[in-house]
């Protein structure tokens, strides 16, 4: 990849949907990271809002 880029995304999740979103992400994150064009992908909870999930990908 000659011109790498970074994507940052914040998902604002309704509190009642938080766990189902986390489970869905856990099912697909390995496949996303396995793609040859994926240099890295991190998924984490926001430090200041438990209903926000953040992604950083390159």
Protein backbone atom coordinates (compact mmCIF):
# COMPACT_ATOMS: atom_id res chain seq x y z
CA UNK A 1 0.00 0.00 0.00
CA UNK A 2 1.77 3.14 -1.17
CA UNK A 3 -0.58 5.73 0.37
CA UNK A 4 -1.77 4.43 3.74
CA UNK A 5 -4.65 6.17 5.45
CA UNK A 6 -6.33 6.02 8.83
CA UNK A 7 -10.06 5.93 9.43
CA UNK A 8 -11.53 6.83 12.81
CA UNK A 9 -15.20 6.07 13.50
CA UNK A 10 -17.38 6.56 16.56
CA UNK A 11 -20.55 4.48 16.85
CA UNK A 12 -23.09 5.86 19.29
CA UNK A 13 -25.10 2.88 20.51
CA UNK A 14 -28.37 2.89 22.44
CA UNK A 15 -27.67 1.44 25.90
CA UNK A 16 -30.09 -1.45 25.39
CA UNK A 17 -28.23 -2.47 22.20
CA UNK A 18 -24.66 -2.21 23.55
CA UNK A 19 -24.07 -5.91 24.23
CA UNK A 20 -25.55 -7.13 20.95
CA UNK A 21 -23.30 -4.71 19.04
CA UNK A 22 -20.23 -5.90 20.94
CA UNK A 23 -21.08 -9.53 20.19
CA UNK A 24 -21.57 -8.77 16.49
CA UNK A 25 -18.23 -6.96 16.34
CA UNK A 26 -16.49 -9.85 18.07
CA UNK A 27 -17.78 -12.22 15.37
CA UNK A 28 -16.39 -10.20 12.45
CA UNK A 29 -13.25 -8.45 13.73
CA UNK A 30 -10.97 -11.43 13.04
CA UNK A 31 -12.10 -11.60 9.41
CA UNK A 32 -11.57 -7.88 8.97
CA UNK A 33 -8.06 -8.05 10.41
CA UNK A 34 -7.22 -11.04 8.21
CA UNK A 35 -7.74 -9.08 4.99
CA UNK A 36 -4.45 -8.40 3.24
CA UNK A 37 -5.25 -4.70 2.83
CA UNK A 38 -5.96 -4.22 6.56
CA UNK A 39 -2.80 -2.99 8.27
CA UNK A 40 -4.50 -2.71 11.65
CA UNK A 41 -7.93 -2.32 13.16
CA UNK A 42 -8.61 -1.50 16.78
CA UNK A 43 -12.04 -1.49 18.38
CA UNK A 44 -12.45 -0.02 21.83
CA UNK A 45 -14.96 1.59 24.18
CA UNK A 46 -14.89 5.33 24.57
CA UNK A 47 -13.31 6.36 27.87
CA UNK A 48 -15.93 9.04 28.51
CA UNK A 49 -19.10 7.37 27.14
CA UNK A 50 -19.89 3.67 27.65
CA UNK A 51 -22.41 3.82 24.80
CA UNK A 52 -19.79 4.80 22.21
CA UNK A 53 -17.62 2.25 20.44
CA UNK A 54 -14.63 3.57 18.50
CA UNK A 55 -12.76 2.06 15.54
CA UNK A 56 -9.35 2.97 14.21
CA UNK A 57 -8.36 1.28 10.95
CA UNK A 58 -5.60 1.51 8.40
